[in-house]
Amino acid sequence: MVTEPSPGTYRFKGSTTQKVDSWNSLTCSVHVDAGTYTLDASDWPYDSSSWLIGIQSTLTHDDGSGQTIAFEPRGYGPRPLKAGTLRLNIFVNTTGEVDKTFTPRLYKID
């Protein structure tokens, strides 16, 4: 189960005995202007390089030049992005008991 105890903070609580990838991701999209961005959370459930709970995102460029991976574990920035639609996926990729809360934030730094 996923709840939002406060705006932008997500709590993942429950368990699964199924294979890894058995939890769905939460998805949202936002338009970004060209610039340098970083994705951060002061409370990563494991750490910012973990594929157990984290964020993976793709950027569809406004100029029609395609799509690129924008952020993923071990690569949350800072990084230059073209203007476009950023699709963010918060994922849980683990088995067993989970009771984790985190508050991811996207920052434009120039």
PDB file of N, CA and C in Angstrom:
ATOM      1  N   MET A   1       0.837  -1.155   0.000  1.00  0.00           N
ATOM      2  CA  MET A   1       0.000   0.000   0.000  1.00  0.00           C
ATOM      3  C   MET A   1       0.897   1.238   0.000  1.00  0.00           C
ATOM      4  N   VAL A   2       0.464   2.259  -0.731  1.00  0.00           N
ATOM      5  CA  VAL A   2       1.174   3.529  -0.767  1.00  0.00           C
ATOM      6  C   VAL A   2       0.237   4.614  -0.253  1.00  0.00           C
ATOM      7  N   THR A   3       0.734   5.415   0.678  1.00  0.00           N
ATOM      8  CA  THR A   3      -0.035   6.558   1.175  1.00  0.00           C
ATOM      9  C   THR A   3       0.829   7.808   1.030  1.00  0.00           C
ATOM     10  N   GLU A   4       0.181   8.958   1.101  1.00  0.00           N
ATOM     11  CA  GLU A   4       0.869  10.242   1.018  1.00  0.00           C
ATOM     12  C   GLU A   4       0.579  10.998   2.323  1.00  0.00           C
ATOM     13  N   PRO A   5       1.407  10.760   3.375  1.00  0.00           N
ATOM     14  CA  PRO A   5       1.144  11.371   4.674  1.00  0.00           C
ATOM     15  C   PRO A   5       1.196  12.899   4.653  1.00  0.00           C
ATOM     16  N   SER A   6       1.942  13.479   3.719  1.00  0.00           N
ATOM     17  CA  SER A   6       1.957  14.919   3.487  1.00  0.00           C
ATOM     18  C   SER A   6       2.285  15.116   2.013  1.00  0.00           C
ATOM     19  N   PRO A   7       1.958  16.272   1.441  1.00  0.00           N
ATOM     20  CA  PRO A   7       2.177  16.461   0.004  1.00  0.00           C
ATOM     21  C   PRO A   7       3.623  16.180  -0.424  1.00  0.00           C
ATOM     22  N   GLY A   8       3.775  15.266  -1.374  1.00  0.00           N
ATOM     23  CA  GLY A   8       5.088  14.929  -1.903  1.00  0.00           C
ATOM     24  C   GLY A   8       5.884  13.929  -1.094  1.00  0.00           C
ATOM     25  N   THR A   9       5.336  13.451   0.032  1.00  0.00           N
ATOM     26  CA  THR A   9       5.981  12.423   0.849  1.00  0.00           C
ATOM     27  C   THR A   9       5.196  11.134   0.673  1.00  0.00           C
ATOM     28  N   TYR A  10       5.912  10.042   0.393  1.00  0.00           N
ATOM     29  CA  TYR A  10       5.250   8.768   0.102  1.00  0.00           C
ATOM     30  C   TYR A  10       5.695   7.703   1.093  1.00  0.00           C
ATOM     31  N   ARG A  11       4.714   6.952   1.595  1.00  0.00           N
ATOM     32  CA  ARG A  11       5.008   5.853   2.507  1.00  0.00           C
ATOM     33  C   ARG A  11       4.598   4.555   1.828  1.00  0.00           C
ATOM     34  N   PHE A  12       5.553   3.659   1.710  1.00  0.00           N
ATOM     35  CA  PHE A  12       5.332   2.332   1.138  1.00  0.00           C
ATOM     36  C   PHE A  12       5.302   1.350   2.301  1.00  0.00           C
ATOM     37  N   LYS A  13       4.172   0.670   2.480  1.00  0.00           N
ATOM     38  CA  LYS A  13       4.046  -0.267   3.593  1.00  0.00           C
ATOM     39  C   LYS A  13       3.318  -1.508   3.108  1.00  0.00           C
ATOM     40  N   GLY A  14       3.901  -2.658   3.387  1.00  0.00           N
ATOM     41  CA  GLY A  14       3.281  -3.919   3.009  1.00  0.00           C
ATOM     42  C   GLY A  14       4.341  -4.981   2.800  1.00  0.00           C
ATOM     43  N   SER A  15       3.939  -6.027   2.123  1.00  0.00           N
ATOM     44  CA  SER A  15       4.882  -7.112   1.859  1.00  0.00           C
ATOM     45  C   SER A  15       4.471  -7.837   0.586  1.00  0.00           C
ATOM     46  N   THR A  16       5.433  -8.522   0.054  1.00  0.00           N
ATOM     47  CA  THR A  16       5.163  -9.361  -1.107  1.00  0.00           C
ATOM     48  C   THR A  16       6.060 -10.583  -1.042  1.00  0.00           C
ATOM     49  N   THR A  17       5.535 -11.676  -1.484  1.00  0.00           N
ATOM     50  CA  THR A  17       6.333 -12.899  -1.591  1.00  0.00           C
ATOM     51  C   THR A  17       6.573 -13.225  -3.051  1.00  0.00           C
ATOM     52  N   GLN A  18       6.102 -12.346  -3.934  1.00  0.00           N
ATOM     53  CA  GLN A  18       6.288 -12.531  -5.365  1.00  0.00           C
ATOM     54  C   GLN A  18       7.704 -12.142  -5.757  1.00  0.00           C
ATOM     55  N   LYS A  19       8.009 -12.337  -7.026  1.00  0.00           N
ATOM     56  CA  LYS A  19       9.335 -11.995  -7.527  1.00  0.00           C
ATOM     57  C   LYS A  19       9.580 -10.488  -7.454  1.00  0.00           C
ATOM     58  N   VAL A  20      10.838 -10.129  -7.532  1.00  0.00           N
ATOM     59  CA  VAL A  20      11.198  -8.720  -7.624  1.00  0.00           C
ATOM     60  C   VAL A  20      10.471  -8.145  -8.829  1.00  0.00           C
ATOM     61  N   ASP A  21      10.148  -6.883  -8.796  1.00  0.00           N
ATOM     62  CA  ASP A  21       9.328  -6.180  -9.792  1.00  0.00           C
ATOM     63  C   ASP A  21       7.845  -6.409  -9.556  1.00  0.00           C
ATOM     64  N   SER A  22       7.471  -7.001  -8.420  1.00  0.00           N
ATOM     65  CA  SER A  22       6.059  -7.281  -8.190  1.00  0.00           C
ATOM     66  C   SER A  22       5.300  -6.053  -7.687  1.00  0.00           C
ATOM     67  N   TRP A  23       6.005  -4.986  -7.315  1.00  0.00           N
ATOM     68  CA  TRP A  23       5.355  -3.745  -6.911  1.00  0.00           C
ATOM     69  C   TRP A  23       5.286  -2.829  -8.127  1.00  0.00           C
ATOM     70  N   ASN A  24       4.184  -2.142  -8.282  1.00  0.00           N
ATOM     71  CA  ASN A  24       4.046  -1.179  -9.368  1.00  0.00           C
ATOM     72  C   ASN A  24       4.733   0.123  -8.995  1.00  0.00           C
ATOM     73  N   SER A  25       4.968   0.922  -9.997  1.00  0.00           N
ATOM     74  CA  SER A  25       5.573   2.227  -9.735  1.00  0.00           C
ATOM     75  C   SER A  25       4.516   3.322  -9.732  1.00  0.00           C
ATOM     76  N   LEU A  26       4.831   4.430  -9.085  1.00  0.00           N
ATOM     77  CA  LEU A  26       3.996   5.622  -9.124  1.00  0.00           C
ATOM     78  C   LEU A  26       4.577   6.518 -10.194  1.00  0.00           C
ATOM     79  N   THR A  27       3.754   7.040 -11.067  1.00  0.00           N
ATOM     80  CA  THR A  27       4.245   7.820 -12.193  1.00  0.00           C
ATOM     81  C   THR A  27       3.631   9.210 -12.202  1.00  0.00           C
ATOM     82  N   CYS A  28       4.448  10.197 -12.525  1.00  0.00           N
ATOM     83  CA  CYS A  28       3.943  11.556 -12.754  1.00  0.00           C
ATOM     84  C   CYS A  28       4.799  12.182 -13.841  1.00  0.00           C
ATOM     85  N   SER A  29       4.272  13.237 -14.452  1.00  0.00           N
ATOM     86  CA  SER A  29       4.994  13.954 -15.498  1.00  0.00           C
ATOM     87  C   SER A  29       5.011  15.439 -15.184  1.00  0.00           C
ATOM     88  N   VAL A  30       6.095  16.108 -15.601  1.00  0.00           N
ATOM     89  CA  VAL A  30       6.235  17.544 -15.422  1.00  0.00           C
ATOM     90  C   VAL A  30       7.033  18.089 -16.603  1.00  0.00           C
ATOM     91  N   HIS A  31       6.676  19.284 -17.058  1.00  0.00           N
ATOM     92  CA  HIS A  31       7.452  19.917 -18.118  1.00  0.00           C
ATOM     93  C   HIS A  31       8.615  20.665 -17.480  1.00  0.00           C
ATOM     94  N   VAL A  32       9.814  20.522 -18.057  1.00  0.00           N
ATOM     95  CA  VAL A  32      10.989  21.234 -17.555  1.00  0.00           C
ATOM     96  C   VAL A  32      11.561  22.111 -18.662  1.00  0.00           C
ATOM     97  N   ASP A  33      12.077  23.264 -18.280  1.00  0.00           N
ATOM     98  CA  ASP A  33      12.830  24.119 -19.189  1.00  0.00           C
ATOM     99  C   ASP A  33      14.257  23.581 -19.256  1.00  0.00           C
ATOM    100  N   ALA A  34      14.972  23.934 -20.307  1.00  0.00           N
ATOM    101  CA  ALA A  34      16.369  23.520 -20.411  1.00  0.00           C
ATOM    102  C   ALA A  34      17.148  24.089 -19.226  1.00  0.00           C
ATOM    103  N   GLY A  35      18.062  23.293 -18.703  1.00  0.00           N
ATOM    104  CA  GLY A  35      18.870  23.732 -17.574  1.00  0.00           C
ATOM    105  C   GLY A  35      19.510  22.544 -16.882  1.00  0.00           C
ATOM    106  N   THR A  36      20.156  22.806 -15.771  1.00  0.00           N
ATOM    107  CA  THR A  36      20.797  21.758 -14.983  1.00  0.00           C
ATOM    108  C   THR A  36      19.915  21.447 -13.783  1.00  0.00           C
ATOM    109  N   TYR A  37      19.639  20.175 -13.603  1.00  0.00           N
ATOM    110  CA  TYR A  37      18.731  19.725 -12.549  1.00  0.00           C
ATOM    111  C   TYR A  37      19.399  18.648 -11.703  1.00  0.00           C
ATOM    112  N   THR A  38      18.902  18.512 -10.491  1.00  0.00           N
ATOM    113  CA  THR A  38      19.293  17.402  -9.632  1.00  0.00           C
ATOM    114  C   THR A  38      18.031  16.864  -8.971  1.00  0.00           C
ATOM    115  N   LEU A  39      18.022  15.595  -8.731  1.00  0.00           N
ATOM    116  CA  LEU A  39      16.914  14.924  -8.056  1.00  0.00           C
ATOM    117  C   LEU A  39      17.463  14.434  -6.727  1.00  0.00           C
ATOM    118  N   ASP A  40      16.787  14.783  -5.642  1.00  0.00           N
ATOM    119  CA  ASP A  40      17.332  14.448  -4.334  1.00  0.00           C
ATOM    120  C   ASP A  40      16.220  14.123  -3.353  1.00  0.00           C
ATOM    121  N   ALA A  41      16.590  13.452  -2.304  1.00  0.00           N
ATOM    122  CA  ALA A  41      15.706  13.183  -1.166  1.00  0.00           C
ATOM    123  C   ALA A  41      16.613  13.036   0.040  1.00  0.00           C
ATOM    124  N   SER A  42      16.342  13.773   1.075  1.00  0.00           N
ATOM    125  CA  SER A  42      17.178  13.680   2.272  1.00  0.00           C
ATOM    126  C   SER A  42      16.931  12.368   3.003  1.00  0.00           C
ATOM    127  N   ASP A  43      15.882  11.675   2.601  1.00  0.00           N
ATOM    128  CA  ASP A  43      15.484  10.455   3.316  1.00  0.00           C
ATOM    129  C   ASP A  43      15.344   9.248   2.383  1.00  0.00           C
ATOM    130  N   TRP A  44      16.329   9.061   1.445  1.00  0.00           N
ATOM    131  CA  TRP A  44      16.264   7.876   0.582  1.00  0.00           C
ATOM    132  C   TRP A  44      16.082   6.648   1.475  1.00  0.00           C
ATOM    133  N   PRO A  45      15.126   5.769   1.169  1.00  0.00           N
ATOM    134  CA  PRO A  45      14.861   4.618   2.044  1.00  0.00           C
ATOM    135  C   PRO A  45      16.073   3.713   2.252  1.00  0.00           C
ATOM    136  N   TYR A  46      16.878   3.538   1.236  1.00  0.00           N
ATOM    137  CA  TYR A  46      18.105   2.747   1.388  1.00  0.00           C
ATOM    138  C   TYR A  46      19.290   3.676   1.162  1.00  0.00           C
ATOM    139  N   ASP A  47      19.533   4.084  -0.044  1.00  0.00           N
ATOM    140  CA  ASP A  47      20.470   5.157  -0.374  1.00  0.00           C
ATOM    141  C   ASP A  47      20.210   5.549  -1.822  1.00  0.00           C
ATOM    142  N   SER A  48      20.894   6.563  -2.289  1.00  0.00           N
ATOM    143  CA  SER A  48      20.589   7.082  -3.624  1.00  0.00           C
ATOM    144  C   SER A  48      21.105   6.209  -4.757  1.00  0.00           C
ATOM    145  N   SER A  49      21.749   5.098  -4.447  1.00  0.00           N
ATOM    146  CA  SER A  49      22.198   4.187  -5.502  1.00  0.00           C
ATOM    147  C   SER A  49      21.418   2.882  -5.508  1.00  0.00           C
ATOM    148  N   SER A  50      20.414   2.765  -4.670  1.00  0.00           N
ATOM    149  CA  SER A  50      19.665   1.514  -4.532  1.00  0.00           C
ATOM    150  C   SER A  50      18.612   1.345  -5.625  1.00  0.00           C
ATOM    151  N   TRP A  51      18.517   0.139  -6.146  1.00  0.00           N
ATOM    152  CA  TRP A  51      17.443  -0.220  -7.085  1.00  0.00           C
ATOM    153  C   TRP A  51      16.290  -0.894  -6.353  1.00  0.00           C
ATOM    154  N   LEU A  52      16.286  -0.877  -4.993  1.00  0.00           N
ATOM    155  CA  LEU A  52      15.187  -1.470  -4.235  1.00  0.00           C
ATOM    156  C   LEU A  52      13.999  -0.518  -4.143  1.00  0.00           C
ATOM    157  N   ILE A  53      14.260   0.741  -3.833  1.00  0.00           N
ATOM    158  CA  ILE A  53      13.251   1.806  -3.864  1.00  0.00           C
ATOM    159  C   ILE A  53      13.968   3.040  -4.388  1.00  0.00           C
ATOM    160  N   GLY A  54      13.407   3.657  -5.402  1.00  0.00           N
ATOM    161  CA  GLY A  54      14.048   4.832  -5.962  1.00  0.00           C
ATOM    162  C   GLY A  54      13.224   5.451  -7.069  1.00  0.00           C
ATOM    163  N   ILE A  55      13.888   6.197  -7.922  1.00  0.00           N
ATOM    164  CA  ILE A  55      13.218   6.888  -9.014  1.00  0.00           C
ATOM    165  C   ILE A  55      13.996   6.660 -10.302  1.00  0.00           C
ATOM    166  N   GLN A  56      13.259   6.377 -11.352  1.00  0.00           N
ATOM    167  CA  GLN A  56      13.828   6.332 -12.686  1.00  0.00           C
ATOM    168  C   GLN A  56      12.979   7.246 -13.551  1.00  0.00           C
ATOM    169  N   SER A  57      13.602   8.030 -14.409  1.00  0.00           N
ATOM    170  CA  SER A  57      12.818   8.965 -15.214  1.00  0.00           C
ATOM    171  C   SER A  57      13.365   9.073 -16.633  1.00  0.00           C
ATOM    172  N   THR A  58      12.460   9.408 -17.536  1.00  0.00           N
ATOM    173  CA  THR A  58      12.808   9.641 -18.924  1.00  0.00           C
ATOM    174  C   THR A  58      12.376  11.044 -19.312  1.00  0.00           C
ATOM    175  N   LEU A  59      13.109  11.619 -20.251  1.00  0.00           N
ATOM    176  CA  LEU A  59      12.810  12.954 -20.744  1.00  0.00           C
ATOM    177  C   LEU A  59      12.498  12.860 -22.234  1.00  0.00           C
ATOM    178  N   THR A  60      11.305  13.320 -22.623  1.00  0.00           N
ATOM    179  CA  THR A  60      10.939  13.424 -24.033  1.00  0.00           C
ATOM    180  C   THR A  60      11.188  14.866 -24.441  1.00  0.00           C
ATOM    181  N   HIS A  61      12.123  15.060 -25.354  1.00  0.00           N
ATOM    182  CA  HIS A  61      12.580  16.398 -25.729  1.00  0.00           C
ATOM    183  C   HIS A  61      11.537  17.154 -26.548  1.00  0.00           C
ATOM    184  N   ASP A  62      11.366  18.432 -26.234  1.00  0.00           N
ATOM    185  CA  ASP A  62      10.449  19.296 -26.983  1.00  0.00           C
ATOM    186  C   ASP A  62      10.866  19.456 -28.438  1.00  0.00           C
ATOM    187  N   ASP A  63      12.171  19.364 -28.719  1.00  0.00           N
ATOM    188  CA  ASP A  63      12.658  19.588 -30.079  1.00  0.00           C
ATOM    189  C   ASP A  63      12.472  18.385 -30.999  1.00  0.00           C
ATOM    190  N   GLY A  64      11.818  17.331 -30.491  1.00  0.00           N
ATOM    191  CA  GLY A  64      11.545  16.152 -31.310  1.00  0.00           C
ATOM    192  C   GLY A  64      12.731  15.220 -31.493  1.00  0.00           C
ATOM    193  N   SER A  65      13.807  15.446 -30.749  1.00  0.00           N
ATOM    194  CA  SER A  65      15.008  14.623 -30.919  1.00  0.00           C
ATOM    195  C   SER A  65      14.967  13.309 -30.146  1.00  0.00           C
ATOM    196  N   GLY A  66      13.815  12.947 -29.635  1.00  0.00           N
ATOM    197  CA  GLY A  66      13.692  11.644 -28.993  1.00  0.00           C
ATOM    198  C   GLY A  66      13.534  11.698 -27.491  1.00  0.00           C
ATOM    199  N   GLN A  67      13.983  10.614 -26.869  1.00  0.00           N
ATOM    200  CA  GLN A  67      13.793  10.413 -25.436  1.00  0.00           C
ATOM    201  C   GLN A  67      15.111   9.931 -24.844  1.00  0.00           C
ATOM    202  N   THR A  68      15.419  10.369 -23.630  1.00  0.00           N
ATOM    203  CA  THR A  68      16.623   9.926 -22.940  1.00  0.00           C
ATOM    204  C   THR A  68      16.290   9.591 -21.491  1.00  0.00           C
ATOM    205  N   ILE A  69      17.136   8.771 -20.884  1.00  0.00           N
ATOM    206  CA  ILE A  69      17.044   8.531 -19.442  1.00  0.00           C
ATOM    207  C   ILE A  69      17.550   9.801 -18.767  1.00  0.00           C
ATOM    208  N   ALA A  70      16.754  10.364 -17.881  1.00  0.00           N
ATOM    209  CA  ALA A  70      17.151  11.599 -17.205  1.00  0.00           C
ATOM    210  C   ALA A  70      17.780  11.307 -15.847  1.00  0.00           C
ATOM    211  N   PHE A  71      17.098  10.512 -15.027  1.00  0.00           N
ATOM    212  CA  PHE A  71      17.594  10.188 -13.692  1.00  0.00           C
ATOM    213  C   PHE A  71      17.325   8.723 -13.396  1.00  0.00           C
ATOM    214  N   GLU A  72      18.209   8.123 -12.615  1.00  0.00           N
ATOM    215  CA  GLU A  72      18.052   6.754 -12.132  1.00  0.00           C
ATOM    216  C   GLU A  72      19.032   6.553 -10.986  1.00  0.00           C
ATOM    217  N   PRO A  73      18.875   5.477 -10.205  1.00  0.00           N
ATOM    218  CA  PRO A  73      19.834   5.241  -9.127  1.00  0.00           C
ATOM    219  C   PRO A  73      21.269   5.321  -9.654  1.00  0.00           C
ATOM    220  N   ARG A  74      22.122   5.905  -8.860  1.00  0.00           N
ATOM    221  CA  ARG A  74      23.523   6.179  -9.174  1.00  0.00           C
ATOM    222  C   ARG A  74      23.669   7.312 -10.187  1.00  0.00           C
ATOM    223  N   GLY A  75      22.577   7.994 -10.538  1.00  0.00           N
ATOM    224  CA  GLY A  75      22.657   9.074 -11.504  1.00  0.00           C
ATOM    225  C   GLY A  75      21.557  10.097 -11.314  1.00  0.00           C
ATOM    226  N   TYR A  76      21.445  10.629 -10.103  1.00  0.00           N
ATOM    227  CA  TYR A  76      20.394  11.606  -9.812  1.00  0.00           C
ATOM    228  C   TYR A  76      20.840  13.049 -10.062  1.00  0.00           C
ATOM    229  N   GLY A  77      22.040  13.250 -10.539  1.00  0.00           N
ATOM    230  CA  GLY A  77      22.439  14.589 -10.929  1.00  0.00           C
ATOM    231  C   GLY A  77      23.556  15.132 -10.080  1.00  0.00           C
ATOM    232  N   PRO A  78      23.931  16.366 -10.344  1.00  0.00           N
ATOM    233  CA  PRO A  78      23.304  17.285 -11.289  1.00  0.00           C
ATOM    234  C   PRO A  78      23.598  16.879 -12.728  1.00  0.00           C
ATOM    235  N   ARG A  79      22.637  17.218 -13.598  1.00  0.00           N
ATOM    236  CA  ARG A  79      22.805  16.910 -15.010  1.00  0.00           C
ATOM    237  C   ARG A  79      22.022  17.886 -15.867  1.00  0.00           C
ATOM    238  N   PRO A  80      22.593  18.210 -17.042  1.00  0.00           N
ATOM    239  CA  PRO A  80      21.897  19.117 -17.951  1.00  0.00           C
ATOM    240  C   PRO A  80      20.746  18.393 -18.645  1.00  0.00           C
ATOM    241  N   LEU A  81      19.616  19.066 -18.729  1.00  0.00           N
ATOM    242  CA  LEU A  81      18.451  18.514 -19.431  1.00  0.00           C
ATOM    243  C   LEU A  81      17.992  19.501 -20.489  1.00  0.00           C
ATOM    244  N   LYS A  82      17.545  18.966 -21.612  1.00  0.00           N
ATOM    245  CA  LYS A  82      16.892  19.781 -22.628  1.00  0.00           C
ATOM    246  C   LYS A  82      15.476  20.084 -22.147  1.00  0.00           C
ATOM    247  N   ALA A  83      14.836  21.059 -22.761  1.00  0.00           N
ATOM    248  CA  ALA A  83      13.428  21.326 -22.451  1.00  0.00           C
ATOM    249  C   ALA A  83      12.601  20.133 -22.900  1.00  0.00           C
ATOM    250  N   GLY A  84      11.618  19.757 -22.084  1.00  0.00           N
ATOM    251  CA  GLY A  84      10.777  18.633 -22.463  1.00  0.00           C
ATOM    252  C   GLY A  84       9.905  18.150 -21.323  1.00  0.00           C
ATOM    253  N   THR A  85       9.273  17.013 -21.560  1.00  0.00           N
ATOM    254  CA  THR A  85       8.407  16.395 -20.559  1.00  0.00           C
ATOM    255  C   THR A  85       9.189  15.324 -19.820  1.00  0.00           C
ATOM    256  N   LEU A  86       9.308  15.521 -18.521  1.00  0.00           N
ATOM    257  CA  LEU A  86      10.027  14.594 -17.652  1.00  0.00           C
ATOM    258  C   LEU A  86       9.009  13.665 -17.010  1.00  0.00           C
ATOM    259  N   ARG A  87       9.132  12.374 -17.263  1.00  0.00           N
ATOM    260  CA  ARG A  87       8.243  11.366 -16.679  1.00  0.00           C
ATOM    261  C   ARG A  87       9.018  10.649 -15.574  1.00  0.00           C
ATOM    262  N   LEU A  88       8.536  10.783 -14.347  1.00  0.00           N
ATOM    263  CA  LEU A  88       9.206  10.212 -13.180  1.00  0.00           C
ATOM    264  C   LEU A  88       8.449   8.991 -12.687  1.00  0.00           C
ATOM    265  N   ASN A  89       9.176   7.923 -12.407  1.00  0.00           N
ATOM    266  CA  ASN A  89       8.595   6.690 -11.883  1.00  0.00           C
ATOM    267  C   ASN A  89       9.246   6.371 -10.543  1.00  0.00           C
ATOM    268  N   ILE A  90       8.463   6.450  -9.469  1.00  0.00           N
ATOM    269  CA  ILE A  90       8.928   6.013  -8.155  1.00  0.00           C
ATOM    270  C   ILE A  90       8.632   4.522  -8.086  1.00  0.00           C
ATOM    271  N   PHE A  91       9.651   3.724  -7.839  1.00  0.00           N
ATOM    272  CA  PHE A  91       9.465   2.272  -7.874  1.00  0.00           C
ATOM    273  C   PHE A  91       9.852   1.598  -6.561  1.00  0.00           C
ATOM    274  N   VAL A  92       9.233   0.463  -6.321  1.00  0.00           N
ATOM    275  CA  VAL A  92       9.619  -0.450  -5.243  1.00  0.00           C
ATOM    276  C   VAL A  92       9.938  -1.763  -5.930  1.00  0.00           C
ATOM    277  N   ASN A  93      11.122  -2.271  -5.704  1.00  0.00           N
ATOM    278  CA  ASN A  93      11.636  -3.410  -6.446  1.00  0.00           C
ATOM    279  C   ASN A  93      12.235  -4.428  -5.470  1.00  0.00           C
ATOM    280  N   THR A  94      11.427  -4.864  -4.508  1.00  0.00           N
ATOM    281  CA  THR A  94      11.958  -5.748  -3.483  1.00  0.00           C
ATOM    282  C   THR A  94      10.886  -6.741  -3.033  1.00  0.00           C
ATOM    283  N   THR A  95      11.298  -7.737  -2.311  1.00  0.00           N
ATOM    284  CA  THR A  95      10.360  -8.695  -1.726  1.00  0.00           C
ATOM    285  C   THR A  95      10.460  -8.619  -0.208  1.00  0.00           C
ATOM    286  N   GLY A  96       9.454  -9.181   0.460  1.00  0.00           N
ATOM    287  CA  GLY A  96       9.443  -9.173   1.918  1.00  0.00           C
ATOM    288  C   GLY A  96       8.705  -7.974   2.463  1.00  0.00           C
ATOM    289  N   GLU A  97       8.965  -7.668   3.726  1.00  0.00           N
ATOM    290  CA  GLU A  97       8.302  -6.551   4.409  1.00  0.00           C
ATOM    291  C   GLU A  97       8.933  -5.222   4.020  1.00  0.00           C
ATOM    292  N   VAL A  98       8.095  -4.235   3.774  1.00  0.00           N
ATOM    293  CA  VAL A  98       8.557  -2.881   3.464  1.00  0.00           C
ATOM    294  C   VAL A  98       7.751  -1.898   4.307  1.00  0.00           C
ATOM    295  N   ASP A  99       8.444  -0.967   4.952  1.00  0.00           N
ATOM    296  CA  ASP A  99       7.803   0.153   5.637  1.00  0.00           C
ATOM    297  C   ASP A  99       8.777   1.321   5.526  1.00  0.00           C
ATOM    298  N   LYS A 100       8.719   2.004   4.402  1.00  0.00           N
ATOM    299  CA  LYS A 100       9.667   3.068   4.091  1.00  0.00           C
ATOM    300  C   LYS A 100       8.931   4.319   3.645  1.00  0.00           C
ATOM    301  N   THR A 101       9.456   5.462   4.026  1.00  0.00           N
ATOM    302  CA  THR A 101       8.891   6.760   3.657  1.00  0.00           C
ATOM    303  C   THR A 101       9.997   7.604   3.050  1.00  0.00           C
ATOM    304  N   PHE A 102       9.662   8.329   1.966  1.00  0.00           N
ATOM    305  CA  PHE A 102      10.621   9.299   1.456  1.00  0.00           C
ATOM    306  C   PHE A 102       9.951  10.422   0.676  1.00  0.00           C
ATOM    307  N   THR A 103      10.718  11.517   0.540  1.00  0.00           N
ATOM    308  CA  THR A 103      10.215  12.752  -0.060  1.00  0.00           C
ATOM    309  C   THR A 103      11.184  13.197  -1.158  1.00  0.00           C
ATOM    310  N   PRO A 104      10.978  12.738  -2.378  1.00  0.00           N
ATOM    311  CA  PRO A 104      11.881  13.159  -3.467  1.00  0.00           C
ATOM    312  C   PRO A 104      11.581  14.581  -3.919  1.00  0.00           C
ATOM    313  N   ARG A 105      12.639  15.286  -4.372  1.00  0.00           N
ATOM    314  CA  ARG A 105      12.497  16.656  -4.842  1.00  0.00           C
ATOM    315  C   ARG A 105      13.372  16.863  -6.088  1.00  0.00           C
ATOM    316  N   LEU A 106      12.810  17.573  -7.061  1.00  0.00           N
ATOM    317  CA  LEU A 106      13.539  17.946  -8.265  1.00  0.00           C
ATOM    318  C   LEU A 106      13.922  19.412  -8.135  1.00  0.00           C
ATOM    319  N   TYR A 107      15.216  19.717  -8.298  1.00  0.00           N
ATOM    320  CA  TYR A 107      15.710  21.076  -8.172  1.00  0.00           C
ATOM    321  C   TYR A 107      16.368  21.525  -9.473  1.00  0.00           C
ATOM    322  N   LYS A 108      16.028  22.736  -9.913  1.00  0.00           N
ATOM    323  CA  LYS A 108      16.725  23.356 -11.035  1.00  0.00           C
ATOM    324  C   LYS A 108      17.822  24.205 -10.426  1.00  0.00           C
ATOM    325  N   ILE A 109      19.077  23.929 -10.816  1.00  0.00           N
ATOM    326  CA  ILE A 109      20.180  24.640 -10.184  1.00  0.00           C
ATOM    327  C   ILE A 109      20.821  25.682 -11.085  1.00  0.00           C
ATOM    328  N   ASP A 110      20.386  25.773 -12.341  1.00  0.00           N
ATOM    329  CA  ASP A 110      20.772  26.919 -13.183  1.00  0.00           C
ATOM    330  C   ASP A 110      19.837  27.062 -14.361  1.00  0.00           C
TER     331      ASP A 110
END
